[in-house]
C-alpha atoms as a PDB file:
ATOM      1  CA  UNK A   1       9.930 -23.187  38.546  1.00  0.00           C
ATOM      2  CA  UNK A   2       7.705 -21.411  41.101  1.00  0.00           C
ATOM      3  CA  UNK A   3       4.328 -20.008  40.158  1.00  0.00           C
ATOM      4  CA  UNK A   4       5.552 -16.443  40.700  1.00  0.00           C
ATOM      5  CA  UNK A   5       8.598 -17.027  38.480  1.00  0.00           C
ATOM      6  CA  UNK A   6       6.405 -18.651  35.841  1.00  0.00           C
ATOM      7  CA  UNK A   7       4.011 -15.702  35.927  1.00  0.00           C
ATOM      8  CA  UNK A   8       6.891 -13.198  35.574  1.00  0.00           C
ATOM      9  CA  UNK A   9       8.274 -15.188  32.618  1.00  0.00           C
ATOM     10  CA  UNK A  10       4.852 -15.289  30.973  1.00  0.00           C
ATOM     11  CA  UNK A  11       4.431 -11.538  31.405  1.00  0.00           C
ATOM     12  CA  UNK A  12       7.899 -10.900  29.995  1.00  0.00           C
ATOM     13  CA  UNK A  13       7.183 -13.110  26.992  1.00  0.00           C
ATOM     14  CA  UNK A  14       3.861 -11.367  26.412  1.00  0.00           C
ATOM     15  CA  UNK A  15       5.586  -7.979  26.628  1.00  0.00           C
ATOM     16  CA  UNK A  16       8.269  -8.960  24.142  1.00  0.00           C
ATOM     17  CA  UNK A  17       5.977 -10.768  21.736  1.00  0.00           C
ATOM     18  CA  UNK A  18       4.642  -7.688  19.830  1.00  0.00           C
ATOM     19  CA  UNK A  19       8.192  -6.351  19.480  1.00  0.00           C
ATOM     20  CA  UNK A  20       9.477  -9.677  18.189  1.00  0.00           C
ATOM     21  CA  UNK A  21       6.584  -9.890  15.750  1.00  0.00           C
ATOM     22  CA  UNK A  22       7.218  -6.343  14.525  1.00  0.00           C
ATOM     23  CA  UNK A  23      10.894  -7.129  13.945  1.00  0.00           C
ATOM     24  CA  UNK A  24       9.858 -10.201  11.983  1.00  0.00           C
ATOM     25  CA  UNK A  25       7.483  -8.132   9.835  1.00  0.00           C
ATOM     26  CA  UNK A  26      10.173  -5.526   9.238  1.00  0.00           C
ATOM     27  CA  UNK A  27      12.661  -8.191   8.166  1.00  0.00           C
ATOM     28  CA  UNK A  28      10.145  -9.767   5.781  1.00  0.00           C
ATOM     29  CA  UNK A  29       9.356  -6.341   4.340  1.00  0.00           C
ATOM     30  CA  UNK A  30      13.079  -5.626   3.838  1.00  0.00           C
ATOM     31  CA  UNK A  31      13.560  -8.950   2.040  1.00  0.00           C
ATOM     32  CA  UNK A  32      10.428  -8.425  -0.066  1.00  0.00           C
ATOM     33  CA  UNK A  33      11.440  -4.902  -1.152  1.00  0.00           C
ATOM     34  CA  UNK A  34      14.957  -6.050  -2.004  1.00  0.00           C
ATOM     35  CA  UNK A  35      13.614  -8.982  -4.006  1.00  0.00           C
ATOM     36  CA  UNK A  36      11.197  -6.665  -5.839  1.00  0.00           C
ATOM     37  CA  UNK A  37      14.095  -4.459  -6.921  1.00  0.00           C
ATOM     38  CA  UNK A  38      16.069  -7.473  -8.137  1.00  0.00           C
ATOM     39  CA  UNK A  39      13.062  -8.962  -9.962  1.00  0.00           C
ATOM     40  CA  UNK A  40      12.315  -5.576 -11.559  1.00  0.00           C
ATOM     41  CA  UNK A  41      15.943  -5.209 -12.676  1.00  0.00           C
ATOM     42  CA  UNK A  42      16.870  -8.760 -13.701  1.00  0.00           C
ATOM     43  CA  UNK A  43      13.534 -10.538 -14.014  1.00  0.00           C
ATOM     44  CA  UNK A  44      12.061 -13.189 -11.724  1.00  0.00           C
ATOM     45  CA  UNK A  45      13.598 -16.176 -13.486  1.00  0.00           C
ATOM     46  CA  UNK A  46      17.086 -14.672 -13.694  1.00  0.00           C
ATOM     47  CA  UNK A  47      17.208 -13.621 -10.043  1.00  0.00           C
ATOM     48  CA  UNK A  48      18.696 -16.234  -7.706  1.00  0.00           C
ATOM     49  CA  UNK A  49      18.552 -16.628  -3.958  1.00  0.00           C
ATOM     50  CA  UNK A  50      22.329 -16.095  -3.995  1.00  0.00           C
ATOM     51  CA  UNK A  51      21.747 -12.661  -5.534  1.00  0.00           C
ATOM     52  CA  UNK A  52      19.135 -11.900  -2.890  1.00  0.00           C
ATOM     53  CA  UNK A  53      21.510 -13.083  -0.164  1.00  0.00           C
ATOM     54  CA  UNK A  54      24.242 -10.763  -1.478  1.00  0.00           C
ATOM     55  CA  UNK A  55      21.882  -7.782  -1.691  1.00  0.00           C
ATOM     56  CA  UNK A  56      20.341  -8.255   1.756  1.00  0.00           C
ATOM     57  CA  UNK A  57      23.602  -9.377   3.446  1.00  0.00           C
ATOM     58  CA  UNK A  58      21.597 -12.279   4.887  1.00  0.00           C
ATOM     59  CA  UNK A  59      22.637 -15.905   4.500  1.00  0.00           C
ATOM     60  CA  UNK A  60      20.324 -18.192   2.558  1.00  0.00           C
ATOM     61  CA  UNK A  61      19.277 -20.045   5.694  1.00  0.00           C
ATOM     62  CA  UNK A  62      17.899 -16.786   7.091  1.00  0.00           C
ATOM     63  CA  UNK A  63      16.173 -15.971   3.811  1.00  0.00           C
ATOM     64  CA  UNK A  64      14.473 -19.361   3.728  1.00  0.00           C
ATOM     65  CA  UNK A  65      13.364 -18.873   7.329  1.00  0.00           C
ATOM     66  CA  UNK A  66      11.339 -15.823   6.249  1.00  0.00           C
ATOM     67  CA  UNK A  67      10.422 -16.975   2.734  1.00  0.00           C
ATOM     68  CA  UNK A  68      10.386 -20.632   1.738  1.00  0.00           C
ATOM     69  CA  UNK A  69      10.814 -19.938  -1.990  1.00  0.00           C
ATOM     70  CA  UNK A  70      11.077 -17.332  -4.746  1.00  0.00           C
ATOM     71  CA  UNK A  71       7.495 -18.238  -5.629  1.00  0.00           C
ATOM     72  CA  UNK A  72       6.300 -17.159  -2.185  1.00  0.00           C
ATOM     73  CA  UNK A  73       8.244 -13.908  -2.540  1.00  0.00           C
ATOM     74  CA  UNK A  74       6.695 -13.149  -5.928  1.00  0.00           C
ATOM     75  CA  UNK A  75       3.212 -13.923  -4.640  1.00  0.00           C
ATOM     76  CA  UNK A  76       3.641 -11.560  -1.684  1.00  0.00           C
ATOM     77  CA  UNK A  77       4.972  -8.873  -4.028  1.00  0.00           C
ATOM     78  CA  UNK A  78       1.844  -9.264  -6.160  1.00  0.00           C
ATOM     79  CA  UNK A  79      -0.420  -9.065  -3.111  1.00  0.00           C
ATOM     80  CA  UNK A  80       1.434  -5.985  -1.875  1.00  0.00           C
ATOM     81  CA  UNK A  81       1.275  -4.353  -5.315  1.00  0.00           C
ATOM     82  CA  UNK A  82      -2.489  -4.816  -5.710  1.00  0.00           C
ATOM     83  CA  UNK A  83      -3.934  -4.567  -2.189  1.00  0.00           C
ATOM     84  CA  UNK A  84      -3.769  -0.765  -1.966  1.00  0.00           C
ATOM     85  CA  UNK A  85      -5.420  -0.318  -5.374  1.00  0.00           C
ATOM     86  CA  UNK A  86      -8.145  -2.787  -4.458  1.00  0.00           C
ATOM     87  CA  UNK A  87      -8.927  -0.909  -1.219  1.00  0.00           C
ATOM     88  CA  UNK A  88      -9.015   2.415  -3.080  1.00  0.00           C
ATOM     89  CA  UNK A  89     -11.453   1.297  -5.801  1.00  0.00           C
ATOM     90  CA  UNK A  90     -13.621  -0.489  -3.230  1.00  0.00           C
ATOM     91  CA  UNK A  91     -14.059   2.792  -1.343  1.00  0.00           C
ATOM     92  CA  UNK A  92     -14.549   4.794  -4.552  1.00  0.00           C
ATOM     93  CA  UNK A  93     -17.239   2.458  -5.897  1.00  0.00           C
ATOM     94  CA  UNK A  94     -19.428   3.372  -2.904  1.00  0.00           C
ATOM     95  CA  UNK A  95     -19.151   7.158  -3.415  1.00  0.00           C
ATOM     96  CA  UNK A  96     -22.270   8.899  -4.735  1.00  0.00           C
ATOM     97  CA  UNK A  97     -20.308  11.490  -6.725  1.00  0.00           C
ATOM     98  CA  UNK A  98     -18.646   9.695  -9.654  1.00  0.00           C
ATOM     99  CA  UNK A  99     -16.245  12.539 -10.474  1.00  0.00           C
ATOM    100  CA  UNK A 100     -15.053  12.656  -6.869  1.00  0.00           C
ATOM    101  CA  UNK A 101     -14.685   8.877  -6.887  1.00  0.00           C
ATOM    102  CA  UNK A 102     -12.640   8.825 -10.076  1.00  0.00           C
ATOM    103  CA  UNK A 103     -10.417  11.670  -8.880  1.00  0.00           C
ATOM    104  CA  UNK A 104      -9.843   9.705  -5.665  1.00  0.00           C
ATOM    105  CA  UNK A 105      -8.828   6.580  -7.596  1.00  0.00           C
ATOM    106  CA  UNK A 106      -6.453   8.535  -9.847  1.00  0.00           C
ATOM    107  CA  UNK A 107      -4.787  10.396  -6.984  1.00  0.00           C
ATOM    108  CA  UNK A 108      -4.348   7.485  -4.596  1.00  0.00           C
ATOM    109  CA  UNK A 109      -3.298   4.990  -7.256  1.00  0.00           C
ATOM    110  CA  UNK A 110      -0.753   7.207  -9.013  1.00  0.00           C
ATOM    111  CA  UNK A 111       0.910   8.246  -5.756  1.00  0.00           C
ATOM    112  CA  UNK A 112       1.159   4.604  -4.695  1.00  0.00           C
ATOM    113  CA  UNK A 113       2.630   3.536  -8.046  1.00  0.00           C
ATOM    114  CA  UNK A 114       5.236   6.306  -7.990  1.00  0.00           C
ATOM    115  CA  UNK A 115       6.258   5.379  -4.448  1.00  0.00           C
ATOM    116  CA  UNK A 116       6.312   1.633  -5.240  1.00  0.00           C
ATOM    117  CA  UNK A 117       7.473   1.372  -8.842  1.00  0.00           C
ATOM    118  CA  UNK A 118       9.471  -1.821  -8.307  1.00  0.00           C
ATOM    119  CA  UNK A 119       6.442  -3.673  -6.951  1.00  0.00           C
ATOM    120  CA  UNK A 120       4.215  -2.518  -9.800  1.00  0.00           C
ATOM    121  CA  UNK A 121       6.852  -3.216 -12.450  1.00  0.00           C
ATOM    122  CA  UNK A 122       7.362  -6.770 -11.196  1.00  0.00           C
ATOM    123  CA  UNK A 123       3.629  -7.436 -11.159  1.00  0.00           C
ATOM    124  CA  UNK A 124       3.115  -6.517 -14.812  1.00  0.00           C
ATOM    125  CA  UNK A 125       6.504  -7.723 -15.996  1.00  0.00           C
ATOM    126  CA  UNK A 126       5.880 -11.227 -14.663  1.00  0.00           C
ATOM    127  CA  UNK A 127       2.115 -11.347 -15.183  1.00  0.00           C
ATOM    128  CA  UNK A 128       2.410 -13.472 -18.329  1.00  0.00           C
ATOM    129  CA  UNK A 129       4.165 -16.196 -16.310  1.00  0.00           C
ATOM    130  CA  UNK A 130       1.829 -16.291 -13.285  1.00  0.00           C
ATOM    131  CA  UNK A 131       0.014 -19.450 -14.331  1.00  0.00           C
ATOM    132  CA  UNK A 132       3.264 -21.427 -14.600  1.00  0.00           C
ATOM    133  CA  UNK A 133       4.793 -19.956 -11.417  1.00  0.00           C
ATOM    134  CA  UNK A 134       1.929 -19.969  -8.911  1.00  0.00           C
ATOM    135  CA  UNK A 135      -0.112 -22.858  -7.614  1.00  0.00           C
ATOM    136  CA  UNK A 136      -3.797 -22.982  -8.548  1.00  0.00           C
ATOM    137  CA  UNK A 137      -5.044 -21.149  -5.451  1.00  0.00           C
ATOM    138  CA  UNK A 138      -2.483 -18.349  -5.735  1.00  0.00           C
ATOM    139  CA  UNK A 139      -3.146 -17.897  -9.441  1.00  0.00           C
ATOM    140  CA  UNK A 140      -6.912 -17.668  -8.968  1.00  0.00           C
ATOM    141  CA  UNK A 141      -6.506 -15.179  -6.115  1.00  0.00           C
ATOM    142  CA  UNK A 142      -4.273 -12.876  -8.171  1.00  0.00           C
ATOM    143  CA  UNK A 143      -6.604 -12.948 -11.175  1.00  0.00           C
ATOM    144  CA  UNK A 144      -9.686 -12.523  -8.982  1.00  0.00           C
ATOM    145  CA  UNK A 145      -8.169  -9.362  -7.497  1.00  0.00           C
ATOM    146  CA  UNK A 146      -7.574  -7.991 -11.016  1.00  0.00           C
ATOM    147  CA  UNK A 147     -11.155  -8.763 -12.012  1.00  0.00           C
ATOM    148  CA  UNK A 148     -12.630  -7.167  -8.879  1.00  0.00           C
ATOM    149  CA  UNK A 149     -10.494  -4.061  -9.404  1.00  0.00           C
ATOM    150  CA  UNK A 150     -11.876  -3.551 -12.909  1.00  0.00           C
ATOM    151  CA  UNK A 151     -15.456  -4.251 -11.785  1.00  0.00           C
ATOM    152  CA  UNK A 152     -15.170  -1.368  -9.332  1.00  0.00           C
ATOM    153  CA  UNK A 153     -13.751   0.944 -12.011  1.00  0.00           C
ATOM    154  CA  UNK A 154     -16.691   0.035 -14.254  1.00  0.00           C
ATOM    155  CA  UNK A 155     -19.112   0.682 -11.364  1.00  0.00           C
ATOM    156  CA  UNK A 156     -17.779   4.232 -10.908  1.00  0.00           C
ATOM    157  CA  UNK A 157     -18.026   4.933 -14.642  1.00  0.00           C
ATOM    158  CA  UNK A 158     -21.527   3.454 -14.873  1.00  0.00           C
ATOM    159  CA  UNK A 159     -22.652   5.604 -11.944  1.00  0.00           C
ATOM    160  CA  UNK A 160     -21.274   8.734 -13.617  1.00  0.00           C
ATOM    161  CA  UNK A 161     -22.954   7.928 -16.924  1.00  0.00           C
ATOM    162  CA  UNK A 162     -26.257   7.101 -15.222  1.00  0.00           C
ATOM    163  CA  UNK A 163     -26.442  10.306 -13.182  1.00  0.00           C
ATOM    164  CA  UNK A 164     -25.388  12.555 -16.071  1.00  0.00           C
ATOM    165  CA  UNK A 165     -21.901  13.472 -14.834  1.00  0.00           C
ATOM    166  CA  UNK A 166     -20.179  11.567 -17.647  1.00  0.00           C
ATOM    167  CA  UNK A 167     -21.050  11.179 -21.318  1.00  0.00           C
ATOM    168  CA  UNK A 168     -22.128   7.777 -22.612  1.00  0.00           C
ATOM    169  CA  UNK A 169     -19.187   5.582 -23.603  1.00  0.00           C
ATOM    170  CA  UNK A 170     -18.186   1.939 -23.818  1.00  0.00           C
ATOM    171  CA  UNK A 171     -17.586   0.912 -20.196  1.00  0.00           C
ATOM    172  CA  UNK A 172     -15.044  -1.792 -20.957  1.00  0.00           C
ATOM    173  CA  UNK A 173     -12.867   0.305 -23.251  1.00  0.00           C
ATOM    174  CA  UNK A 174     -13.141   3.386 -21.054  1.00  0.00           C
ATOM    175  CA  UNK A 175     -12.200   1.457 -17.916  1.00  0.00           C
ATOM    176  CA  UNK A 176      -9.203  -0.171 -19.554  1.00  0.00           C
ATOM    177  CA  UNK A 177      -7.916   3.140 -20.927  1.00  0.00           C
ATOM    178  CA  UNK A 178      -8.241   4.784 -17.521  1.00  0.00           C
ATOM    179  CA  UNK A 179      -6.424   1.850 -15.925  1.00  0.00           C
ATOM    180  CA  UNK A 180      -3.610   2.109 -18.490  1.00  0.00           C
ATOM    181  CA  UNK A 181      -3.254   5.857 -17.889  1.00  0.00           C
ATOM    182  CA  UNK A 182      -3.072   5.417 -14.113  1.00  0.00           C
ATOM    183  CA  UNK A 183      -0.448   2.682 -14.443  1.00  0.00           C
ATOM    184  CA  UNK A 184       1.759   4.525 -16.937  1.00  0.00           C
ATOM    185  CA  UNK A 185       4.249   6.060 -14.421  1.00  0.00           C
ATOM    186  CA  UNK A 186       5.617   2.657 -13.409  1.00  0.00           C
ATOM    187  CA  UNK A 187       7.177   2.386 -16.883  1.00  0.00           C
ATOM    188  CA  UNK A 188       8.901   5.751 -16.740  1.00  0.00           C
ATOM    189  CA  UNK A 189      12.606   5.638 -16.011  1.00  0.00           C
ATOM    190  CA  UNK A 190      12.886   9.117 -14.492  1.00  0.00           C
ATOM    191  CA  UNK A 191      14.551   8.884 -11.118  1.00  0.00           C
ATOM    192  CA  UNK A 192      12.260  11.527  -9.613  1.00  0.00           C
ATOM    193  CA  UNK A 193       8.628  12.050 -10.536  1.00  0.00           C
ATOM    194  CA  UNK A 194       6.384  14.929  -9.436  1.00  0.00           C
ATOM    195  CA  UNK A 195       3.384  13.008  -8.147  1.00  0.00           C
ATOM    196  CA  UNK A 196       1.167  16.044  -7.648  1.00  0.00           C
ATOM    197  CA  UNK A 197       1.746  17.280 -11.193  1.00  0.00           C
ATOM    198  CA  UNK A 198       1.164  13.833 -12.725  1.00  0.00           C
ATOM    199  CA  UNK A 199      -2.044  13.390 -10.708  1.00  0.00           C
ATOM    200  CA  UNK A 200      -3.345  16.826 -11.772  1.00  0.00           C
ATOM    201  CA  UNK A 201      -2.616  16.154 -15.451  1.00  0.00           C
ATOM    202  CA  UNK A 202      -4.158  12.667 -15.325  1.00  0.00           C
ATOM    203  CA  UNK A 203      -7.274  13.953 -13.574  1.00  0.00           C
ATOM    204  CA  UNK A 204      -7.715  16.731 -16.122  1.00  0.00           C
ATOM    205  CA  UNK A 205      -7.155  14.369 -19.047  1.00  0.00           C
ATOM    206  CA  UNK A 206      -9.513  11.660 -17.816  1.00  0.00           C
ATOM    207  CA  UNK A 207     -12.291  13.729 -16.218  1.00  0.00           C
ATOM    208  CA  UNK A 208     -12.494  16.287 -19.024  1.00  0.00           C
ATOM    209  CA  UNK A 209     -12.576  13.468 -21.555  1.00  0.00           C
ATOM    210  CA  UNK A 210     -15.537  11.886 -19.784  1.00  0.00           C
ATOM    211  CA  UNK A 211     -17.598  15.002 -19.103  1.00  0.00           C
ATOM    212  CA  UNK A 212     -20.479  15.935 -21.353  1.00  0.00           C
ATOM    213  CA  UNK A 213     -19.848  18.903 -23.671  1.00  0.00           C
END
């Protein structure tokens, strides 16, 4: 092959590479979302790769090309389900105004949960089995993310109590109750949920409950 031909081929490959990579990401996302729906409906252990193949219309060889196992799929679902929340609380924990920070967490988290109920449902539905499903590194990473999430919630509450925006309360109990309230919509079976209304009600419930009389 001549140098000029080689250079043209290299340029063509470089031009196509981002497109090929994007297609690969899209395919993985499609498989992941389909698996999340199946896991949410039937449970992780009861869902088979045959069921996933039928739902995606992809043969099992193609599925295994993108995901080597159900375990890898579940791990990616967990990462997807928690990453947005982790980013949100990380930003909020650095805000000076605790009320603004908590409102931000409530709004962003509830909207994400409503738009991604399958992912959230799978995460909490299968959480009790994580230690037996994941390898040691995966298990520690998932639990570390949970711990860091709550630490940031506690930091926002502590800031609000310290600067007088919020009344004094038990940080641990308060944080857990707020977390449970934010997560609640993933359990609801309504086909359509009004995110704006749910956010407004949750913000009023939580913020008013924390404010000093």
